N, C-alpha and C. Protein backbone atom coordinates (compact mmCIF):
# COMPACT_ATOMS: atom_id res chain seq x y z
N UNK A 1 15.40 -10.36 1.95
CA UNK A 1 14.84 -9.88 0.69
C UNK A 1 13.63 -9.17 1.04
N UNK A 2 13.61 -8.07 0.25
CA UNK A 2 12.39 -7.23 0.28
C UNK A 2 11.54 -7.25 -1.03
N UNK A 3 10.24 -7.25 -1.03
CA UNK A 3 9.40 -7.15 -2.16
C UNK A 3 8.93 -5.94 -2.56
N UNK A 4 9.63 -4.81 -2.15
CA UNK A 4 9.10 -3.59 -2.38
C UNK A 4 9.33 -3.28 -3.99
N UNK A 5 8.39 -2.96 -4.68
CA UNK A 5 8.58 -2.72 -6.15
C UNK A 5 8.53 -3.93 -6.99
N UNK A 6 8.50 -5.03 -6.51
CA UNK A 6 8.37 -6.29 -7.30
C UNK A 6 6.81 -6.17 -7.86
N UNK A 7 6.83 -6.76 -9.17
CA UNK A 7 5.52 -6.87 -9.78
C UNK A 7 5.13 -8.36 -9.81
N UNK A 8 3.71 -8.42 -9.22
CA UNK A 8 3.27 -9.88 -9.17
C UNK A 8 2.06 -10.08 -9.80
N UNK A 9 1.82 -11.07 -10.66
CA UNK A 9 0.64 -11.32 -11.57
C UNK A 9 -0.04 -12.57 -10.65
N UNK A 10 -1.28 -12.28 -10.24
CA UNK A 10 -1.80 -13.51 -9.34
C UNK A 10 -2.91 -13.80 -10.43
N UNK A 11 -3.09 -15.10 -10.30
CA UNK A 11 -4.09 -15.79 -11.46
C UNK A 11 -4.83 -16.77 -10.71
N UNK A 12 -6.23 -16.55 -10.46
CA UNK A 12 -6.93 -17.33 -9.62
C UNK A 12 -8.50 -16.99 -10.21
N UNK A 13 -9.27 -17.93 -10.40
CA UNK A 13 -10.82 -17.72 -10.72
C UNK A 13 -11.55 -17.23 -9.71
N UNK A 14 -11.05 -17.34 -8.50
CA UNK A 14 -11.71 -17.03 -7.38
C UNK A 14 -11.38 -15.53 -6.99
N UNK A 15 -12.24 -14.66 -7.34
CA UNK A 15 -12.01 -13.09 -7.15
C UNK A 15 -11.57 -12.91 -5.61
N UNK A 16 -12.30 -13.44 -4.64
CA UNK A 16 -11.92 -13.15 -3.18
C UNK A 16 -10.46 -13.56 -3.01
N UNK A 17 -9.99 -14.67 -3.67
CA UNK A 17 -8.68 -15.35 -3.36
C UNK A 17 -7.79 -14.22 -3.88
N UNK A 18 -7.92 -13.50 -5.00
CA UNK A 18 -7.05 -12.98 -5.78
C UNK A 18 -6.99 -11.57 -4.69
N UNK A 19 -7.99 -11.03 -4.32
CA UNK A 19 -7.85 -9.90 -3.57
C UNK A 19 -7.11 -10.10 -2.27
N UNK A 20 -7.60 -11.37 -1.64
CA UNK A 20 -6.78 -11.69 -0.35
C UNK A 20 -5.22 -11.70 -0.60
N UNK A 21 -4.69 -12.37 -1.87
CA UNK A 21 -3.26 -12.40 -1.90
C UNK A 21 -2.80 -10.99 -2.22
N UNK A 22 -3.65 -10.31 -3.04
CA UNK A 22 -3.20 -9.03 -3.47
C UNK A 22 -2.88 -8.05 -2.26
N UNK A 23 -4.00 -7.95 -1.57
CA UNK A 23 -3.97 -7.04 -0.27
C UNK A 23 -3.16 -7.49 0.77
N UNK A 24 -3.25 -8.64 1.18
CA UNK A 24 -2.56 -9.09 2.45
C UNK A 24 -1.38 -9.97 2.45
N UNK A 25 -0.98 -10.27 1.05
CA UNK A 25 0.42 -10.91 0.85
C UNK A 25 1.35 -9.85 0.19
N UNK A 26 0.88 -9.11 -0.82
CA UNK A 26 1.94 -8.51 -1.73
C UNK A 26 1.72 -6.94 -1.74
N UNK A 27 0.65 -6.41 -1.74
CA UNK A 27 0.65 -4.93 -1.81
C UNK A 27 1.02 -4.49 -0.14
N UNK A 28 0.81 -5.21 0.69
CA UNK A 28 1.38 -4.67 2.22
C UNK A 28 2.80 -4.82 1.98
N UNK A 29 3.37 -5.55 1.32
CA UNK A 29 4.79 -5.71 1.29
C UNK A 29 5.40 -4.67 0.18
N UNK A 30 4.67 -3.84 -0.38
CA UNK A 30 5.24 -2.87 -1.38
C UNK A 30 5.18 -3.37 -3.07
N UNK A 31 4.44 -4.46 -3.06
CA UNK A 31 4.62 -5.02 -4.58
C UNK A 31 3.43 -4.45 -5.37
N UNK A 32 3.68 -4.20 -6.67
CA UNK A 32 2.57 -3.86 -7.55
C UNK A 32 1.99 -5.06 -8.04
N UNK A 33 0.57 -5.25 -8.05
CA UNK A 33 0.12 -6.48 -8.48
C UNK A 33 -0.98 -6.21 -9.59
N UNK A 34 -1.14 -7.23 -10.35
CA UNK A 34 -2.11 -7.39 -11.45
C UNK A 34 -2.73 -8.82 -11.05
N UNK A 35 -4.25 -8.93 -11.42
CA UNK A 35 -4.89 -10.00 -11.31
C UNK A 35 -5.61 -10.42 -12.48
N UNK A 36 -5.64 -11.88 -12.72
CA UNK A 36 -6.24 -12.24 -13.80
C UNK A 36 -7.06 -13.51 -13.30
N UNK A 37 -8.31 -13.56 -14.06
CA UNK A 37 -9.23 -14.82 -13.50
C UNK A 37 -9.00 -16.02 -14.06
N UNK A 38 -8.08 -16.16 -15.00
CA UNK A 38 -7.88 -17.60 -15.74
C UNK A 38 -6.58 -17.36 -16.53
N UNK A 39 -6.17 -18.75 -17.04
CA UNK A 39 -4.93 -18.63 -17.71
C UNK A 39 -4.76 -17.74 -18.91
N UNK A 40 -5.83 -17.89 -19.73
CA UNK A 40 -6.03 -17.10 -21.08
C UNK A 40 -5.72 -15.64 -20.71
N UNK A 41 -6.51 -14.94 -19.77
CA UNK A 41 -6.26 -13.63 -19.26
C UNK A 41 -4.96 -13.36 -18.95
N UNK A 42 -4.25 -14.16 -18.25
CA UNK A 42 -2.86 -14.11 -17.79
C UNK A 42 -2.04 -14.07 -18.86
N UNK A 43 -2.01 -14.98 -20.04
CA UNK A 43 -1.32 -15.00 -21.09
C UNK A 43 -1.44 -13.57 -21.96
N UNK A 44 -2.50 -12.89 -21.76
CA UNK A 44 -2.56 -11.68 -22.40
C UNK A 44 -1.79 -10.62 -21.76
N UNK A 45 -1.87 -10.64 -20.36
CA UNK A 45 -0.94 -9.65 -19.82
C UNK A 45 0.38 -10.00 -19.93
N UNK A 46 1.06 -11.31 -19.97
CA UNK A 46 2.28 -11.79 -20.13
C UNK A 46 2.72 -11.22 -21.48
N UNK A 47 1.87 -11.46 -22.37
CA UNK A 47 2.26 -11.04 -24.02
C UNK A 47 2.40 -9.87 -24.24
N UNK A 48 1.91 -8.72 -23.16
CA UNK A 48 1.99 -7.30 -23.44
C UNK A 48 3.28 -6.85 -23.22
N UNK A 49 3.98 -6.28 -24.35
CA UNK A 49 5.39 -5.81 -24.05
C UNK A 49 5.47 -4.90 -23.12
N UNK A 50 4.31 -3.97 -22.95
CA UNK A 50 4.50 -2.90 -21.93
C UNK A 50 4.51 -3.17 -20.54
N UNK A 51 4.18 -4.40 -20.14
CA UNK A 51 4.04 -4.98 -18.96
C UNK A 51 5.43 -5.89 -18.57
N UNK A 52 5.63 -5.88 -17.12
CA UNK A 52 6.64 -6.81 -16.81
C UNK A 52 6.38 -7.21 -15.54
N UNK A 53 6.66 -8.53 -15.22
CA UNK A 53 6.30 -9.24 -14.11
C UNK A 53 7.47 -10.07 -13.36
N UNK A 54 7.69 -9.87 -12.07
CA UNK A 54 8.81 -10.71 -11.30
C UNK A 54 8.40 -11.98 -10.73
N UNK A 55 6.91 -12.21 -10.48
CA UNK A 55 6.66 -13.40 -9.91
C UNK A 55 5.27 -13.59 -10.24
N UNK A 56 4.93 -14.95 -10.59
CA UNK A 56 3.41 -15.13 -10.56
C UNK A 56 2.87 -16.32 -9.52
N UNK A 57 1.85 -16.11 -9.10
CA UNK A 57 0.99 -16.99 -8.28
C UNK A 57 -0.12 -17.51 -9.06
N UNK A 58 -0.11 -18.87 -9.15
CA UNK A 58 -1.16 -19.28 -10.11
C UNK A 58 -2.02 -20.45 -9.41
N UNK A 59 -3.19 -20.38 -9.54
CA UNK A 59 -4.16 -21.39 -9.13
C UNK A 59 -4.01 -22.55 -10.07
N UNK A 60 -4.32 -23.83 -9.46
CA UNK A 60 -4.10 -25.05 -10.17
C UNK A 60 -5.28 -25.27 -11.33
N UNK A 61 -6.48 -24.90 -10.45
CA UNK A 61 -7.65 -25.33 -11.42
C UNK A 61 -8.55 -23.92 -11.72
N UNK A 62 -8.72 -23.79 -12.97
CA UNK A 62 -9.41 -22.53 -13.45
C UNK A 62 -10.06 -23.14 -14.98
N UNK A 63 -11.16 -22.14 -14.99
CA UNK A 63 -11.73 -22.53 -16.39
C UNK A 63 -10.78 -21.85 -17.63
N UNK A 64 -11.00 -22.43 -18.74
CA UNK A 64 -10.30 -21.84 -20.01
C UNK A 64 -9.10 -22.23 -20.24
N UNK A 65 -8.14 -22.17 -19.13
CA UNK A 65 -6.67 -22.44 -19.29
C UNK A 65 -6.29 -22.65 -17.84
N UNK A 66 -6.10 -23.89 -17.50
CA UNK A 66 -5.82 -24.23 -15.91
C UNK A 66 -4.43 -23.63 -15.70
N UNK A 67 -3.91 -23.97 -14.46
CA UNK A 67 -2.68 -23.55 -13.97
C UNK A 67 -1.56 -24.39 -14.47
N UNK A 68 -1.50 -25.78 -14.57
CA UNK A 68 -0.43 -26.45 -15.27
C UNK A 68 -0.48 -26.20 -16.85
N UNK A 69 -1.65 -25.86 -17.35
CA UNK A 69 -1.40 -25.64 -18.81
C UNK A 69 -0.91 -24.09 -19.04
N UNK A 70 -1.00 -23.16 -18.17
CA UNK A 70 -0.65 -21.95 -18.25
C UNK A 70 1.15 -22.01 -18.05
N UNK A 71 1.38 -22.82 -16.93
CA UNK A 71 2.77 -22.75 -16.63
C UNK A 71 3.52 -23.49 -17.82
N UNK A 72 3.03 -24.46 -18.42
CA UNK A 72 3.74 -25.26 -19.45
C UNK A 72 3.75 -24.40 -20.80
N UNK A 73 2.68 -23.41 -20.95
CA UNK A 73 2.91 -22.48 -22.08
C UNK A 73 3.92 -21.43 -21.78
N UNK A 74 4.08 -20.96 -20.55
CA UNK A 74 5.04 -20.05 -20.18
C UNK A 74 6.59 -20.56 -20.30
N UNK A 75 6.64 -21.82 -19.81
CA UNK A 75 7.93 -22.49 -19.71
C UNK A 75 8.44 -22.76 -21.35
N UNK A 76 7.48 -23.18 -22.06
CA UNK A 76 8.01 -23.46 -23.31
C UNK A 76 7.79 -22.34 -24.42
N UNK A 77 7.39 -21.20 -23.95
CA UNK A 77 6.96 -19.98 -24.69
C UNK A 77 8.03 -19.38 -25.54
N UNK A 78 7.60 -18.95 -26.54
CA UNK A 78 8.43 -17.99 -27.49
C UNK A 78 7.90 -16.71 -27.81
N UNK A 79 8.50 -15.85 -28.32
CA UNK A 79 7.85 -14.43 -28.67
C UNK A 79 8.09 -13.65 -27.19
N UNK A 80 6.96 -13.07 -27.03
CA UNK A 80 6.88 -12.22 -25.95
C UNK A 80 7.03 -13.10 -24.60
N UNK A 81 6.63 -14.41 -24.63
CA UNK A 81 6.55 -15.20 -23.47
C UNK A 81 7.99 -15.75 -23.06
N UNK A 82 9.03 -15.56 -23.84
CA UNK A 82 10.40 -16.04 -23.92
C UNK A 82 10.89 -15.24 -22.63
N UNK A 83 10.69 -14.18 -22.30
CA UNK A 83 11.26 -13.43 -21.12
C UNK A 83 10.95 -13.94 -19.85
N UNK A 84 9.84 -14.91 -19.95
CA UNK A 84 9.37 -15.30 -18.50
C UNK A 84 9.53 -16.85 -18.50
N UNK A 85 10.45 -17.40 -19.30
CA UNK A 85 10.78 -19.00 -19.23
C UNK A 85 11.17 -19.16 -17.85
N UNK A 86 11.66 -18.40 -17.19
CA UNK A 86 12.62 -18.76 -15.83
C UNK A 86 11.74 -17.98 -14.61
N UNK A 87 10.65 -17.27 -14.97
CA UNK A 87 10.18 -16.65 -13.81
C UNK A 87 9.60 -17.50 -12.73
N UNK A 88 9.81 -17.02 -11.58
CA UNK A 88 9.32 -17.89 -10.33
C UNK A 88 8.00 -17.82 -10.28
N UNK A 89 7.40 -19.20 -10.14
CA UNK A 89 5.81 -19.41 -10.15
C UNK A 89 5.59 -20.13 -8.72
N UNK A 90 4.67 -19.66 -8.37
CA UNK A 90 4.01 -20.38 -7.02
C UNK A 90 2.62 -20.88 -7.44
N UNK A 91 2.33 -21.94 -7.09
CA UNK A 91 1.14 -22.71 -7.66
C UNK A 91 0.16 -22.82 -6.25
N UNK A 92 -0.98 -22.49 -6.17
CA UNK A 92 -1.81 -22.70 -4.95
C UNK A 92 -3.04 -23.44 -5.45
N UNK A 93 -3.46 -24.43 -4.58
CA UNK A 93 -4.64 -25.13 -4.95
C UNK A 93 -5.21 -25.94 -3.79
N UNK A 94 -6.58 -25.90 -3.74
CA UNK A 94 -7.21 -26.71 -2.59
C UNK A 94 -7.25 -28.31 -2.88
N UNK A 95 -6.81 -28.52 -4.11
CA UNK A 95 -6.89 -29.92 -4.62
C UNK A 95 -5.54 -30.65 -4.45
N UNK A 96 -4.55 -30.03 -3.80
CA UNK A 96 -3.24 -30.89 -3.67
C UNK A 96 -3.81 -31.85 -2.56
N UNK A 97 -2.97 -33.12 -2.53
CA UNK A 97 -3.56 -34.13 -1.53
C UNK A 97 -3.02 -33.84 -0.18
N UNK A 98 -1.97 -33.16 0.10
CA UNK A 98 -1.71 -32.68 1.48
C UNK A 98 -0.85 -31.59 1.43
N UNK A 99 -0.80 -31.06 2.65
CA UNK A 99 0.15 -29.73 2.73
C UNK A 99 1.57 -30.23 2.28
N UNK A 100 1.91 -31.32 2.74
CA UNK A 100 3.35 -31.90 2.53
C UNK A 100 3.62 -32.35 1.05
N UNK A 101 2.76 -32.53 0.25
CA UNK A 101 3.02 -32.99 -1.13
C UNK A 101 2.65 -31.72 -2.08
N UNK A 102 2.32 -30.70 -1.53
CA UNK A 102 2.04 -29.40 -2.38
C UNK A 102 3.35 -29.23 -3.05
N UNK A 103 4.31 -28.98 -2.62
CA UNK A 103 5.56 -28.63 -3.13
C UNK A 103 5.86 -29.53 -4.34
N UNK A 104 5.92 -30.76 -3.97
CA UNK A 104 6.34 -32.05 -4.90
C UNK A 104 5.33 -31.79 -6.10
N UNK A 105 3.93 -31.66 -5.73
CA UNK A 105 2.86 -31.87 -7.12
C UNK A 105 2.91 -30.54 -7.92
N UNK A 106 3.49 -29.45 -7.12
CA UNK A 106 3.61 -28.11 -7.92
C UNK A 106 4.82 -28.36 -8.95
N UNK A 107 5.76 -28.70 -8.23
CA UNK A 107 7.09 -28.96 -9.33
C UNK A 107 6.79 -29.95 -10.39
N UNK A 108 5.72 -30.82 -10.40
CA UNK A 108 5.63 -31.67 -11.46
C UNK A 108 4.92 -30.94 -12.57
N UNK A 109 4.38 -29.83 -12.24
CA UNK A 109 3.85 -28.78 -13.30
C UNK A 109 4.92 -27.87 -13.79
N UNK A 110 6.07 -27.86 -13.08
CA UNK A 110 7.04 -26.91 -13.73
C UNK A 110 6.75 -25.62 -13.01
N UNK A 111 6.08 -25.53 -11.90
CA UNK A 111 6.18 -24.37 -10.90
C UNK A 111 7.32 -24.67 -9.99
N UNK A 112 7.66 -23.51 -9.40
CA UNK A 112 8.78 -23.69 -8.39
C UNK A 112 8.47 -24.20 -7.02
N UNK A 113 7.26 -23.97 -6.51
CA UNK A 113 6.74 -24.38 -5.31
C UNK A 113 5.23 -24.39 -5.23
N UNK A 114 4.65 -24.92 -4.10
CA UNK A 114 3.01 -25.01 -4.18
C UNK A 114 2.47 -24.77 -2.84
N UNK A 115 1.41 -24.30 -2.62
CA UNK A 115 0.75 -24.45 -1.13
C UNK A 115 -0.65 -24.91 -1.34
N UNK A 116 -1.00 -25.72 -0.45
CA UNK A 116 -2.42 -26.11 -0.35
C UNK A 116 -3.39 -25.05 0.32
N UNK A 117 -4.49 -24.83 -0.42
CA UNK A 117 -5.42 -23.77 0.21
C UNK A 117 -6.47 -24.66 1.30
N UNK A 118 -6.88 -23.87 2.18
CA UNK A 118 -6.35 -22.67 2.88
C UNK A 118 -4.89 -22.75 3.06
N UNK A 119 -4.21 -21.63 3.20
CA UNK A 119 -2.80 -21.53 3.54
C UNK A 119 -2.55 -20.25 4.53
N UNK A 120 -1.53 -20.63 5.11
CA UNK A 120 -1.08 -19.43 5.89
C UNK A 120 -0.41 -18.27 5.04
N UNK A 121 -0.94 -17.10 5.20
CA UNK A 121 -0.43 -16.05 4.15
C UNK A 121 0.90 -15.75 4.30
N UNK A 122 1.39 -15.88 5.47
CA UNK A 122 2.96 -15.48 5.66
C UNK A 122 3.85 -16.46 5.00
N UNK A 123 3.42 -17.77 4.88
CA UNK A 123 3.99 -18.76 4.11
C UNK A 123 4.01 -18.30 2.54
N UNK A 124 2.93 -17.73 1.90
CA UNK A 124 2.97 -17.39 0.52
C UNK A 124 4.02 -16.27 0.45
N UNK A 125 4.01 -15.16 1.26
CA UNK A 125 4.86 -14.06 1.16
C UNK A 125 6.26 -14.56 1.45
N UNK A 126 6.60 -15.38 2.38
CA UNK A 126 7.84 -16.23 2.66
C UNK A 126 8.55 -16.70 1.32
N UNK A 127 7.72 -17.51 0.77
CA UNK A 127 8.11 -18.13 -0.41
C UNK A 127 8.62 -17.15 -1.47
N UNK A 128 7.66 -16.02 -1.79
CA UNK A 128 7.86 -15.18 -2.70
C UNK A 128 9.36 -14.54 -2.41
N UNK A 129 9.57 -14.14 -1.15
CA UNK A 129 10.90 -13.57 -0.87
C UNK A 129 11.79 -14.45 -1.11
N UNK A 130 11.64 -15.83 -0.91
CA UNK A 130 12.86 -16.67 -1.13
C UNK A 130 13.13 -17.09 -2.44
N UNK A 131 12.16 -17.16 -3.25
CA UNK A 131 12.33 -17.30 -4.83
C UNK A 131 12.94 -16.05 -5.49
N UNK A 132 12.42 -14.83 -5.05
CA UNK A 132 13.04 -13.75 -5.71
C UNK A 132 14.49 -13.56 -5.19
N UNK A 133 14.65 -13.83 -3.97
CA UNK A 133 16.18 -13.70 -3.35
C UNK A 133 16.91 -14.52 -4.14
N UNK A 134 16.40 -15.55 -4.69
CA UNK A 134 17.47 -16.94 -5.20
C UNK A 134 17.46 -16.87 -6.76
N UNK A 135 16.81 -15.94 -7.42
CA UNK A 135 17.02 -15.95 -8.83
C UNK A 135 17.55 -14.48 -9.37
N UNK A 136 18.05 -14.52 -10.42
CA UNK A 136 18.61 -13.45 -11.17
C UNK A 136 17.41 -13.13 -12.24
N UNK A 137 16.84 -11.90 -12.25
CA UNK A 137 15.83 -11.65 -13.03
C UNK A 137 16.18 -11.05 -14.38
N UNK A 138 15.44 -11.39 -15.34
CA UNK A 138 15.75 -11.05 -16.68
C UNK A 138 15.82 -9.59 -16.64
N UNK A 139 16.64 -8.81 -17.54
CA UNK A 139 16.67 -7.43 -17.58
C UNK A 139 15.24 -6.90 -18.28
N UNK A 140 14.68 -5.80 -17.83
CA UNK A 140 13.48 -5.42 -18.48
C UNK A 140 13.78 -5.12 -20.00
N UNK A 141 12.59 -5.34 -20.75
CA UNK A 141 12.97 -5.08 -22.07
C UNK A 141 11.76 -3.83 -22.45
N UNK A 142 12.08 -3.08 -23.51
CA UNK A 142 11.17 -2.26 -24.06
C UNK A 142 11.43 -0.73 -23.23
């Protein structure tokens, strides 16, 4: 699975982490990326009918709207968010109790998988390829 041309929304209140994921995981693989500093900002991007995303990478703990709240809003969303109900979502957090439990804890929030920070960047890229290779993306609208 190639990530070339895929559109990734990275949501993390840590600017350095957004930049690390953007440059070292996704743009190097040919993705187009957008970053948001919290869940509210991410919802503005997701609600814009001119934008389309294929994958979300979401931090668990952020101000204004945290990762679990953002994911719940997306999975239950109507209107412009309805097109993202099944979008692949990877949750990242330094607060997962262990590397082994990150996947399970992330799935409890309706994310597809999760990683504990700090993480091996190749694992994030690999998960993105796996998730995008295993899903049928909704057709673009507009």
